[in-house]
């Protein structure tokens, strides 16, 4: 069973880790845009910013609806990062349990 389960777990874990870093890049990009360090008139910056927005916004929008307003501070990426980390840890525990490894 583990020879079937382990590759899928590794793939899913890698995708979650990749999404974590995309989320971090999105936060950094939003800071750079907000403080005027980079400008969207540059085609590369505009394309990267649009890509990061399209990838992260569907996961962040429901969290923003639930969280109260903090006066311009967006805490939804932090909540999503914590949720991703919790999900990865739960998934790791389930896979290890199914493989018979003591936790």
PDB file of N, CA and C in Angstrom:
ATOM      1  N   UNK A   1       0.818  -1.196   0.000  1.00  0.00           N
ATOM      2  CA  UNK A   1       0.000   0.000   0.000  1.00  0.00           C
ATOM      3  C   UNK A   1       0.862   1.261   0.000  1.00  0.00           C
ATOM      4  N   UNK A   2       1.967   1.241   0.728  1.00  0.00           N
ATOM      5  CA  UNK A   2       2.784   2.456   0.832  1.00  0.00           C
ATOM      6  C   UNK A   2       3.449   2.809  -0.491  1.00  0.00           C
ATOM      7  N   UNK A   3       3.735   1.822  -1.324  1.00  0.00           N
ATOM      8  CA  UNK A   3       4.381   2.122  -2.592  1.00  0.00           C
ATOM      9  C   UNK A   3       3.415   2.832  -3.542  1.00  0.00           C
ATOM     10  N   UNK A   4       2.116   2.735  -3.299  1.00  0.00           N
ATOM     11  CA  UNK A   4       1.126   3.465  -4.091  1.00  0.00           C
ATOM     12  C   UNK A   4       0.834   4.829  -3.462  1.00  0.00           C
ATOM     13  N   UNK A   5       0.736   4.866  -2.159  1.00  0.00           N
ATOM     14  CA  UNK A   5       0.337   6.070  -1.443  1.00  0.00           C
ATOM     15  C   UNK A   5       1.441   7.115  -1.372  1.00  0.00           C
ATOM     16  N   UNK A   6       2.647   6.703  -1.191  1.00  0.00           N
ATOM     17  CA  UNK A   6       3.750   7.629  -0.972  1.00  0.00           C
ATOM     18  C   UNK A   6       4.006   8.582  -2.146  1.00  0.00           C
ATOM     19  N   UNK A   7       4.016   8.130  -3.401  1.00  0.00           N
ATOM     20  CA  UNK A   7       4.232   9.095  -4.496  1.00  0.00           C
ATOM     21  C   UNK A   7       3.135  10.150  -4.588  1.00  0.00           C
ATOM     22  N   UNK A   8       1.876   9.740  -4.337  1.00  0.00           N
ATOM     23  CA  UNK A   8       0.792  10.715  -4.373  1.00  0.00           C
ATOM     24  C   UNK A   8       0.910  11.715  -3.228  1.00  0.00           C
ATOM     25  N   UNK A   9       1.298  11.226  -2.068  1.00  0.00           N
ATOM     26  CA  UNK A   9       1.505  12.128  -0.938  1.00  0.00           C
ATOM     27  C   UNK A   9       2.637  13.109  -1.239  1.00  0.00           C
ATOM     28  N   UNK A  10       3.733  12.615  -1.784  1.00  0.00           N
ATOM     29  CA  UNK A  10       4.869  13.484  -2.111  1.00  0.00           C
ATOM     30  C   UNK A  10       4.483  14.545  -3.136  1.00  0.00           C
ATOM     31  N   UNK A  11       3.701  14.163  -4.147  1.00  0.00           N
ATOM     32  CA  UNK A  11       3.256  15.104  -5.163  1.00  0.00           C
ATOM     33  C   UNK A  11       2.363  16.170  -4.538  1.00  0.00           C
ATOM     34  N   UNK A  12       1.408  15.750  -3.733  1.00  0.00           N
ATOM     35  CA  UNK A  12       0.478  16.682  -3.108  1.00  0.00           C
ATOM     36  C   UNK A  12       1.197  17.606  -2.128  1.00  0.00           C
ATOM     37  N   UNK A  13       2.128  17.058  -1.375  1.00  0.00           N
ATOM     38  CA  UNK A  13       2.904  17.862  -0.438  1.00  0.00           C
ATOM     39  C   UNK A  13       3.756  18.891  -1.176  1.00  0.00           C
ATOM     40  N   UNK A  14       4.339  18.497  -2.292  1.00  0.00           N
ATOM     41  CA  UNK A  14       5.136  19.411  -3.100  1.00  0.00           C
ATOM     42  C   UNK A  14       4.275  20.527  -3.681  1.00  0.00           C
ATOM     43  N   UNK A  15       3.072  20.194  -4.137  1.00  0.00           N
ATOM     44  CA  UNK A  15       2.171  21.206  -4.674  1.00  0.00           C
ATOM     45  C   UNK A  15       1.734  22.194  -3.593  1.00  0.00           C
ATOM     46  N   UNK A  16       1.471  21.702  -2.388  1.00  0.00           N
ATOM     47  CA  UNK A  16       1.112  22.590  -1.285  1.00  0.00           C
ATOM     48  C   UNK A  16       2.272  23.504  -0.907  1.00  0.00           C
ATOM     49  N   UNK A  17       3.482  22.975  -0.914  1.00  0.00           N
ATOM     50  CA  UNK A  17       4.660  23.789  -0.618  1.00  0.00           C
ATOM     51  C   UNK A  17       4.883  24.835  -1.710  1.00  0.00           C
ATOM     52  N   UNK A  18       4.688  24.453  -2.951  1.00  0.00           N
ATOM     53  CA  UNK A  18       4.814  25.395  -4.063  1.00  0.00           C
ATOM     54  C   UNK A  18       3.776  26.512  -3.937  1.00  0.00           C
ATOM     55  N   UNK A  19       2.541  26.158  -3.574  1.00  0.00           N
ATOM     56  CA  UNK A  19       1.498  27.173  -3.400  1.00  0.00           C
ATOM     57  C   UNK A  19       1.834  28.106  -2.239  1.00  0.00           C
ATOM     58  N   UNK A  20       2.448  27.565  -1.194  1.00  0.00           N
ATOM     59  CA  UNK A  20       2.901  28.390  -0.075  1.00  0.00           C
ATOM     60  C   UNK A  20       3.857  29.470  -0.561  1.00  0.00           C
ATOM     61  N   UNK A  21       4.817  29.095  -1.398  1.00  0.00           N
ATOM     62  CA  UNK A  21       5.802  30.060  -1.890  1.00  0.00           C
ATOM     63  C   UNK A  21       5.180  31.043  -2.868  1.00  0.00           C
ATOM     64  N   UNK A  22       4.210  30.604  -3.654  1.00  0.00           N
ATOM     65  CA  UNK A  22       3.491  31.527  -4.532  1.00  0.00           C
ATOM     66  C   UNK A  22       2.732  32.549  -3.691  1.00  0.00           C
ATOM     67  N   UNK A  23       2.163  32.106  -2.597  1.00  0.00           N
ATOM     68  CA  UNK A  23       1.462  33.011  -1.684  1.00  0.00           C
ATOM     69  C   UNK A  23       2.427  34.028  -1.080  1.00  0.00           C
ATOM     70  N   UNK A  24       3.596  33.583  -0.672  1.00  0.00           N
ATOM     71  CA  UNK A  24       4.611  34.493  -0.138  1.00  0.00           C
ATOM     72  C   UNK A  24       5.028  35.508  -1.204  1.00  0.00           C
ATOM     73  N   UNK A  25       5.251  35.049  -2.430  1.00  0.00           N
ATOM     74  CA  UNK A  25       5.610  35.962  -3.522  1.00  0.00           C
ATOM     75  C   UNK A  25       4.504  36.985  -3.782  1.00  0.00           C
ATOM     76  N   UNK A  26       3.266  36.554  -3.678  1.00  0.00           N
ATOM     77  CA  UNK A  26       2.142  37.462  -3.876  1.00  0.00           C
ATOM     78  C   UNK A  26       2.109  38.559  -2.818  1.00  0.00           C
ATOM     79  N   UNK A  27       2.384  38.192  -1.580  1.00  0.00           N
ATOM     80  CA  UNK A  27       2.426  39.182  -0.495  1.00  0.00           C
ATOM     81  C   UNK A  27       3.566  40.168  -0.720  1.00  0.00           C
ATOM     82  N   UNK A  28       4.733  39.655  -1.066  1.00  0.00           N
ATOM     83  CA  UNK A  28       5.885  40.528  -1.302  1.00  0.00           C
ATOM     84  C   UNK A  28       5.612  41.451  -2.493  1.00  0.00           C
ATOM     85  N   UNK A  29       5.011  40.914  -3.539  1.00  0.00           N
ATOM     86  CA  UNK A  29       4.694  41.733  -4.712  1.00  0.00           C
ATOM     87  C   UNK A  29       3.702  42.829  -4.354  1.00  0.00           C
ATOM     88  N   UNK A  30       2.711  42.510  -3.541  1.00  0.00           N
ATOM     89  CA  UNK A  30       1.734  43.536  -3.159  1.00  0.00           C
ATOM     90  C   UNK A  30       2.403  44.634  -2.332  1.00  0.00           C
ATOM     91  N   UNK A  31       3.356  44.281  -1.489  1.00  0.00           N
ATOM     92  CA  UNK A  31       4.104  45.292  -0.727  1.00  0.00           C
ATOM     93  C   UNK A  31       4.937  46.159  -1.663  1.00  0.00           C
ATOM     94  N   UNK A  32       5.627  45.530  -2.598  1.00  0.00           N
ATOM     95  CA  UNK A  32       6.459  46.285  -3.537  1.00  0.00           C
ATOM     96  C   UNK A  32       5.621  47.247  -4.369  1.00  0.00           C
ATOM     97  N   UNK A  33       4.428  46.812  -4.771  1.00  0.00           N
ATOM     98  CA  UNK A  33       3.539  47.689  -5.526  1.00  0.00           C
ATOM     99  C   UNK A  33       2.991  48.804  -4.643  1.00  0.00           C
ATOM    100  N   UNK A  34       2.625  48.482  -3.401  1.00  0.00           N
ATOM    101  CA  UNK A  34       2.038  49.481  -2.501  1.00  0.00           C
ATOM    102  C   UNK A  34       3.039  50.573  -2.134  1.00  0.00           C
ATOM    103  N   UNK A  35       4.300  50.224  -1.975  1.00  0.00           N
ATOM    104  CA  UNK A  35       5.306  51.199  -1.584  1.00  0.00           C
ATOM    105  C   UNK A  35       6.008  51.838  -2.784  1.00  0.00           C
ATOM    106  N   UNK A  36       5.570  51.504  -3.984  1.00  0.00           N
ATOM    107  CA  UNK A  36       6.106  52.137  -5.175  1.00  0.00           C
ATOM    108  C   UNK A  36       7.499  51.688  -5.567  1.00  0.00           C
ATOM    109  N   UNK A  37       7.932  50.552  -5.087  1.00  0.00           N
ATOM    110  CA  UNK A  37       9.260  50.043  -5.439  1.00  0.00           C
ATOM    111  C   UNK A  37       9.263  49.546  -6.878  1.00  0.00           C
ATOM    112  N   UNK A  38       8.179  48.881  -7.272  1.00  0.00           N
ATOM    113  CA  UNK A  38       8.024  48.433  -8.655  1.00  0.00           C
ATOM    114  C   UNK A  38       6.755  49.062  -9.207  1.00  0.00           C
ATOM    115  N   UNK A  39       6.679  49.123 -10.522  1.00  0.00           N
ATOM    116  CA  UNK A  39       5.568  49.776 -11.182  1.00  0.00           C
ATOM    117  C   UNK A  39       4.952  48.821 -12.194  1.00  0.00           C
ATOM    118  N   UNK A  40       3.634  48.800 -12.281  1.00  0.00           N
ATOM    119  CA  UNK A  40       2.967  47.878 -13.207  1.00  0.00           C
ATOM    120  C   UNK A  40       3.057  48.350 -14.658  1.00  0.00           C
ATOM    121  N   UNK A  41       3.664  49.505 -14.919  1.00  0.00           N
ATOM    122  CA  UNK A  41       3.864  49.900 -16.319  1.00  0.00           C
ATOM    123  C   UNK A  41       4.931  49.026 -16.980  1.00  0.00           C
ATOM    124  N   UNK A  42       5.763  48.381 -16.171  1.00  0.00           N
ATOM    125  CA  UNK A  42       6.712  47.395 -16.682  1.00  0.00           C
ATOM    126  C   UNK A  42       5.932  46.115 -17.005  1.00  0.00           C
ATOM    127  N   UNK A  43       6.081  45.615 -18.217  1.00  0.00           N
ATOM    128  CA  UNK A  43       5.294  44.464 -18.671  1.00  0.00           C
ATOM    129  C   UNK A  43       5.559  43.211 -17.835  1.00  0.00           C
ATOM    130  N   UNK A  44       6.807  42.976 -17.453  1.00  0.00           N
ATOM    131  CA  UNK A  44       7.144  41.805 -16.649  1.00  0.00           C
ATOM    132  C   UNK A  44       6.484  41.884 -15.278  1.00  0.00           C
ATOM    133  N   UNK A  45       6.545  43.048 -14.656  1.00  0.00           N
ATOM    134  CA  UNK A  45       5.937  43.238 -13.337  1.00  0.00           C
ATOM    135  C   UNK A  45       4.423  43.077 -13.434  1.00  0.00           C
ATOM    136  N   UNK A  46       3.819  43.656 -14.459  1.00  0.00           N
ATOM    137  CA  UNK A  46       2.370  43.552 -14.633  1.00  0.00           C
ATOM    138  C   UNK A  46       1.943  42.103 -14.844  1.00  0.00           C
ATOM    139  N   UNK A  47       2.679  41.359 -15.648  1.00  0.00           N
ATOM    140  CA  UNK A  47       2.348  39.965 -15.907  1.00  0.00           C
ATOM    141  C   UNK A  47       2.508  39.119 -14.655  1.00  0.00           C
ATOM    142  N   UNK A  48       3.607  39.307 -13.942  1.00  0.00           N
ATOM    143  CA  UNK A  48       3.840  38.556 -12.715  1.00  0.00           C
ATOM    144  C   UNK A  48       2.798  38.890 -11.654  1.00  0.00           C
ATOM    145  N   UNK A  49       2.477  40.150 -11.516  1.00  0.00           N
ATOM    146  CA  UNK A  49       1.478  40.575 -10.541  1.00  0.00           C
ATOM    147  C   UNK A  49       0.101  39.986 -10.871  1.00  0.00           C
ATOM    148  N   UNK A  50      -0.260  40.015 -12.145  1.00  0.00           N
ATOM    149  CA  UNK A  50      -1.545  39.459 -12.561  1.00  0.00           C
ATOM    150  C   UNK A  50      -1.598  37.957 -12.322  1.00  0.00           C
ATOM    151  N   UNK A  51      -0.511  37.252 -12.637  1.00  0.00           N
ATOM    152  CA  UNK A  51      -0.460  35.808 -12.407  1.00  0.00           C
ATOM    153  C   UNK A  51      -0.613  35.479 -10.929  1.00  0.00           C
ATOM    154  N   UNK A  52       0.128  36.176 -10.079  1.00  0.00           N
ATOM    155  CA  UNK A  52       0.059  35.916  -8.642  1.00  0.00           C
ATOM    156  C   UNK A  52      -1.331  36.223  -8.096  1.00  0.00           C
ATOM    157  N   UNK A  53      -1.951  37.291  -8.579  1.00  0.00           N
ATOM    158  CA  UNK A  53      -3.296  37.636  -8.141  1.00  0.00           C
ATOM    159  C   UNK A  53      -4.288  36.552  -8.540  1.00  0.00           C
ATOM    160  N   UNK A  54      -4.213  36.089  -9.790  1.00  0.00           N
ATOM    161  CA  UNK A  54      -5.158  35.079 -10.272  1.00  0.00           C
ATOM    162  C   UNK A  54      -4.994  33.732  -9.563  1.00  0.00           C
ATOM    163  N   UNK A  55      -3.786  33.424  -9.135  1.00  0.00           N
ATOM    164  CA  UNK A  55      -3.542  32.136  -8.479  1.00  0.00           C
ATOM    165  C   UNK A  55      -3.936  32.170  -7.004  1.00  0.00           C
ATOM    166  N   UNK A  56      -3.705  33.295  -6.344  1.00  0.00           N
ATOM    167  CA  UNK A  56      -3.943  33.345  -4.899  1.00  0.00           C
ATOM    168  C   UNK A  56      -5.309  33.898  -4.513  1.00  0.00           C
ATOM    169  N   UNK A  57      -5.900  34.735  -5.337  1.00  0.00           N
ATOM    170  CA  UNK A  57      -7.153  35.390  -4.964  1.00  0.00           C
ATOM    171  C   UNK A  57      -8.318  34.427  -4.719  1.00  0.00           C
ATOM    172  N   UNK A  58      -8.488  33.356  -5.494  1.00  0.00           N
ATOM    173  CA  UNK A  58      -9.612  32.449  -5.194  1.00  0.00           C
ATOM    174  C   UNK A  58      -9.539  31.820  -3.801  1.00  0.00           C
ATOM    175  N   UNK A  59      -8.355  31.616  -3.269  1.00  0.00           N
ATOM    176  CA  UNK A  59      -8.229  31.052  -1.924  1.00  0.00           C
ATOM    177  C   UNK A  59      -8.311  32.135  -0.849  1.00  0.00           C
ATOM    178  N   UNK A  60      -7.905  33.345  -1.172  1.00  0.00           N
ATOM    179  CA  UNK A  60      -7.888  34.417  -0.183  1.00  0.00           C
ATOM    180  C   UNK A  60      -9.243  35.125  -0.048  1.00  0.00           C
ATOM    181  N   UNK A  61     -10.030  35.174  -1.109  1.00  0.00           N
ATOM    182  CA  UNK A  61     -11.297  35.905  -1.087  1.00  0.00           C
ATOM    183  C   UNK A  61     -12.260  35.407  -0.008  1.00  0.00           C
ATOM    184  N   UNK A  62     -12.476  34.097   0.152  1.00  0.00           N
ATOM    185  CA  UNK A  62     -13.396  33.652   1.215  1.00  0.00           C
ATOM    186  C   UNK A  62     -12.884  33.982   2.621  1.00  0.00           C
ATOM    187  N   UNK A  63     -11.572  33.973   2.789  1.00  0.00           N
ATOM    188  CA  UNK A  63     -11.001  34.306   4.098  1.00  0.00           C
ATOM    189  C   UNK A  63     -11.207  35.783   4.388  1.00  0.00           C
ATOM    190  N   UNK A  64     -11.062  36.633   3.376  1.00  0.00           N
ATOM    191  CA  UNK A  64     -11.264  38.070   3.556  1.00  0.00           C
ATOM    192  C   UNK A  64     -12.703  38.395   3.921  1.00  0.00           C
ATOM    193  N   UNK A  65     -13.654  37.594   3.416  1.00  0.00           N
ATOM    194  CA  UNK A  65     -15.056  37.820   3.752  1.00  0.00           C
ATOM    195  C   UNK A  65     -15.340  37.516   5.221  1.00  0.00           C
ATOM    196  N   UNK A  66     -14.608  36.565   5.786  1.00  0.00           N
ATOM    197  CA  UNK A  66     -14.835  36.146   7.170  1.00  0.00           C
ATOM    198  C   UNK A  66     -14.104  37.046   8.156  1.00  0.00           C
ATOM    199  N   UNK A  67     -12.859  37.403   7.843  1.00  0.00           N
ATOM    200  CA  UNK A  67     -12.051  38.205   8.766  1.00  0.00           C
ATOM    201  C   UNK A  67     -12.600  39.629   8.882  1.00  0.00           C
ATOM    202  N   UNK A  68     -12.550  40.192  10.076  1.00  0.00           N
ATOM    203  CA  UNK A  68     -12.944  41.600  10.212  1.00  0.00           C
ATOM    204  C   UNK A  68     -11.883  42.514   9.607  1.00  0.00           C
ATOM    205  N   UNK A  69     -12.269  43.743   9.342  1.00  0.00           N
ATOM    206  CA  UNK A  69     -11.346  44.718   8.768  1.00  0.00           C
ATOM    207  C   UNK A  69     -10.357  45.181   9.836  1.00  0.00           C
ATOM    208  N   UNK A  70      -9.087  45.219   9.461  1.00  0.00           N
ATOM    209  CA  UNK A  70      -8.041  45.660  10.371  1.00  0.00           C
ATOM    210  C   UNK A  70      -7.416  46.967   9.899  1.00  0.00           C
ATOM    211  N   UNK A  71      -8.178  47.777   9.179  1.00  0.00           N
ATOM    212  CA  UNK A  71      -7.687  49.086   8.776  1.00  0.00           C
ATOM    213  C   UNK A  71      -6.549  49.059   7.782  1.00  0.00           C
ATOM    214  N   UNK A  72      -6.689  48.367   6.706  1.00  0.00           N
ATOM    215  CA  UNK A  72      -5.665  48.341   5.671  1.00  0.00           C
ATOM    216  C   UNK A  72      -4.652  47.225   5.799  1.00  0.00           C
ATOM    217  N   UNK A  73      -4.721  46.465   6.871  1.00  0.00           N
ATOM    218  CA  UNK A  73      -3.805  45.337   7.037  1.00  0.00           C
ATOM    219  C   UNK A  73      -4.557  44.070   6.642  1.00  0.00           C
ATOM    220  N   UNK A  74      -4.019  43.354   5.680  1.00  0.00           N
ATOM    221  CA  UNK A  74      -4.664  42.137   5.186  1.00  0.00           C
ATOM    222  C   UNK A  74      -4.019  40.923   5.857  1.00  0.00           C
ATOM    223  N   UNK A  75      -4.775  40.284   6.731  1.00  0.00           N
ATOM    224  CA  UNK A  75      -4.262  39.113   7.446  1.00  0.00           C
ATOM    225  C   UNK A  75      -4.663  37.791   6.781  1.00  0.00           C
ATOM    226  N   UNK A  76      -5.387  37.867   5.680  1.00  0.00           N
ATOM    227  CA  UNK A  76      -5.838  36.634   5.032  1.00  0.00           C
ATOM    228  C   UNK A  76      -4.689  35.744   4.555  1.00  0.00           C
ATOM    229  N   UNK A  77      -3.553  36.266   4.056  1.00  0.00           N
ATOM    230  CA  UNK A  77      -2.455  35.362   3.695  1.00  0.00           C
ATOM    231  C   UNK A  77      -1.899  34.597   4.893  1.00  0.00           C
ATOM    232  N   UNK A  78      -1.859  35.244   6.054  1.00  0.00           N
ATOM    233  CA  UNK A  78      -1.363  34.558   7.248  1.00  0.00           C
ATOM    234  C   UNK A  78      -2.297  33.419   7.629  1.00  0.00           C
ATOM    235  N   UNK A  79      -3.599  33.677   7.562  1.00  0.00           N
ATOM    236  CA  UNK A  79      -4.582  32.639   7.882  1.00  0.00           C
ATOM    237  C   UNK A  79      -4.465  31.481   6.899  1.00  0.00           C
ATOM    238  N   UNK A  80      -4.308  31.794   5.617  1.00  0.00           N
ATOM    239  CA  UNK A  80      -4.173  30.737   4.610  1.00  0.00           C
ATOM    240  C   UNK A  80      -2.882  29.949   4.797  1.00  0.00           C
ATOM    241  N   UNK A  81      -1.793  30.613   5.128  1.00  0.00           N
ATOM    242  CA  UNK A  81      -0.530  29.910   5.369  1.00  0.00           C
ATOM    243  C   UNK A  81      -0.666  28.971   6.563  1.00  0.00           C
ATOM    244  N   UNK A  82      -1.299  29.433   7.626  1.00  0.00           N
ATOM    245  CA  UNK A  82      -1.514  28.574   8.795  1.00  0.00           C
ATOM    246  C   UNK A  82      -2.413  27.389   8.449  1.00  0.00           C
ATOM    247  N   UNK A  83      -3.445  27.636   7.647  1.00  0.00           N
ATOM    248  CA  UNK A  83      -4.343  26.552   7.239  1.00  0.00           C
ATOM    249  C   UNK A  83      -3.616  25.532   6.361  1.00  0.00           C
ATOM    250  N   UNK A  84      -2.784  26.008   5.447  1.00  0.00           N
ATOM    251  CA  UNK A  84      -2.006  25.094   4.599  1.00  0.00           C
ATOM    252  C   UNK A  84      -1.050  24.252   5.435  1.00  0.00           C
ATOM    253  N   UNK A  85      -0.408  24.889   6.398  1.00  0.00           N
ATOM    254  CA  UNK A  85       0.523  24.173   7.268  1.00  0.00           C
ATOM    255  C   UNK A  85      -0.215  23.130   8.105  1.00  0.00           C
ATOM    256  N   UNK A  86      -1.365  23.489   8.643  1.00  0.00           N
ATOM    257  CA  UNK A  86      -2.171  22.540   9.414  1.00  0.00           C
ATOM    258  C   UNK A  86      -2.593  21.366   8.543  1.00  0.00           C
ATOM    259  N   UNK A  87      -3.038  21.661   7.321  1.00  0.00           N
ATOM    260  CA  UNK A  87      -3.472  20.599   6.410  1.00  0.00           C
ATOM    261  C   UNK A  87      -2.313  19.672   6.049  1.00  0.00           C
ATOM    262  N   UNK A  88      -1.139  20.249   5.805  1.00  0.00           N
ATOM    263  CA  UNK A  88       0.026  19.415   5.503  1.00  0.00           C
ATOM    264  C   UNK A  88       0.375  18.504   6.674  1.00  0.00           C
ATOM    265  N   UNK A  89       0.317  19.022   7.890  1.00  0.00           N
ATOM    266  CA  UNK A  89       0.639  18.208   9.062  1.00  0.00           C
ATOM    267  C   UNK A  89      -0.383  17.101   9.283  1.00  0.00           C
ATOM    268  N   UNK A  90      -1.662  17.413   9.091  1.00  0.00           N
ATOM    269  CA  UNK A  90      -2.697  16.387   9.230  1.00  0.00           C
ATOM    270  C   UNK A  90      -2.518  15.314   8.168  1.00  0.00           C
ATOM    271  N   UNK A  91      -2.276  15.739   6.931  1.00  0.00           N
ATOM    272  CA  UNK A  91      -2.079  14.782   5.839  1.00  0.00           C
ATOM    273  C   UNK A  91      -0.855  13.903   6.092  1.00  0.00           C
ATOM    274  N   UNK A  92       0.219  14.501   6.589  1.00  0.00           N
ATOM    275  CA  UNK A  92       1.424  13.733   6.900  1.00  0.00           C
ATOM    276  C   UNK A  92       1.125  12.683   7.976  1.00  0.00           C
ATOM    277  N   UNK A  93       0.371  13.074   9.001  1.00  0.00           N
ATOM    278  CA  UNK A  93       0.013  12.132  10.059  1.00  0.00           C
ATOM    279  C   UNK A  93      -0.841  10.988   9.551  1.00  0.00           C
ATOM    280  N   UNK A  94      -1.787  11.291   8.677  1.00  0.00           N
ATOM    281  CA  UNK A  94      -2.652  10.243   8.119  1.00  0.00           C
ATOM    282  C   UNK A  94      -1.844   9.275   7.273  1.00  0.00           C
ATOM    283  N   UNK A  95      -0.958   9.802   6.442  1.00  0.00           N
ATOM    284  CA  UNK A  95      -0.141   8.933   5.576  1.00  0.00           C
ATOM    285  C   UNK A  95       0.778   8.063   6.417  1.00  0.00           C
ATOM    286  N   UNK A  96       1.400   8.655   7.429  1.00  0.00           N
ATOM    287  CA  UNK A  96       2.282   7.857   8.287  1.00  0.00           C
ATOM    288  C   UNK A  96       1.497   6.789   9.031  1.00  0.00           C
ATOM    289  N   UNK A  97       0.291   7.116   9.464  1.00  0.00           N
ATOM    290  CA  UNK A  97      -0.561   6.137  10.156  1.00  0.00           C
ATOM    291  C   UNK A  97      -0.937   4.995   9.208  1.00  0.00           C
ATOM    292  N   UNK A  98      -1.283   5.327   7.976  1.00  0.00           N
ATOM    293  CA  UNK A  98      -1.645   4.291   7.002  1.00  0.00           C
ATOM    294  C   UNK A  98      -0.448   3.407   6.646  1.00  0.00           C
ATOM    295  N   UNK A  99       0.752   3.983   6.718  1.00  0.00           N
ATOM    296  CA  UNK A  99       1.944   3.207   6.417  1.00  0.00           C
ATOM    297  C   UNK A  99       2.403   2.380   7.615  1.00  0.00           C
ATOM    298  N   UNK A 100       1.797   2.605   8.755  1.00  0.00           N
ATOM    299  CA  UNK A 100       2.150   1.826   9.933  1.00  0.00           C
ATOM    300  C   UNK A 100       3.322   2.371  10.706  1.00  0.00           C
ATOM    301  N   UNK A 101       3.698   3.609  10.450  1.00  0.00           N
ATOM    302  CA  UNK A 101       4.805   4.237  11.156  1.00  0.00           C
ATOM    303  C   UNK A 101       4.257   4.841  12.447  1.00  0.00           C
ATOM    304  N   UNK A 102       4.851   4.541  13.590  1.00  0.00           N
ATOM    305  CA  UNK A 102       4.358   5.152  14.834  1.00  0.00           C
ATOM    306  C   UNK A 102       4.621   6.662  14.839  1.00  0.00           C
ATOM    307  N   UNK A 103       3.617   7.388  15.291  1.00  0.00           N
ATOM    308  CA  UNK A 103       3.717   8.855  15.286  1.00  0.00           C
ATOM    309  C   UNK A 103       4.142   9.351  16.641  1.00  0.00           C
TER     310      UNK A 103
END
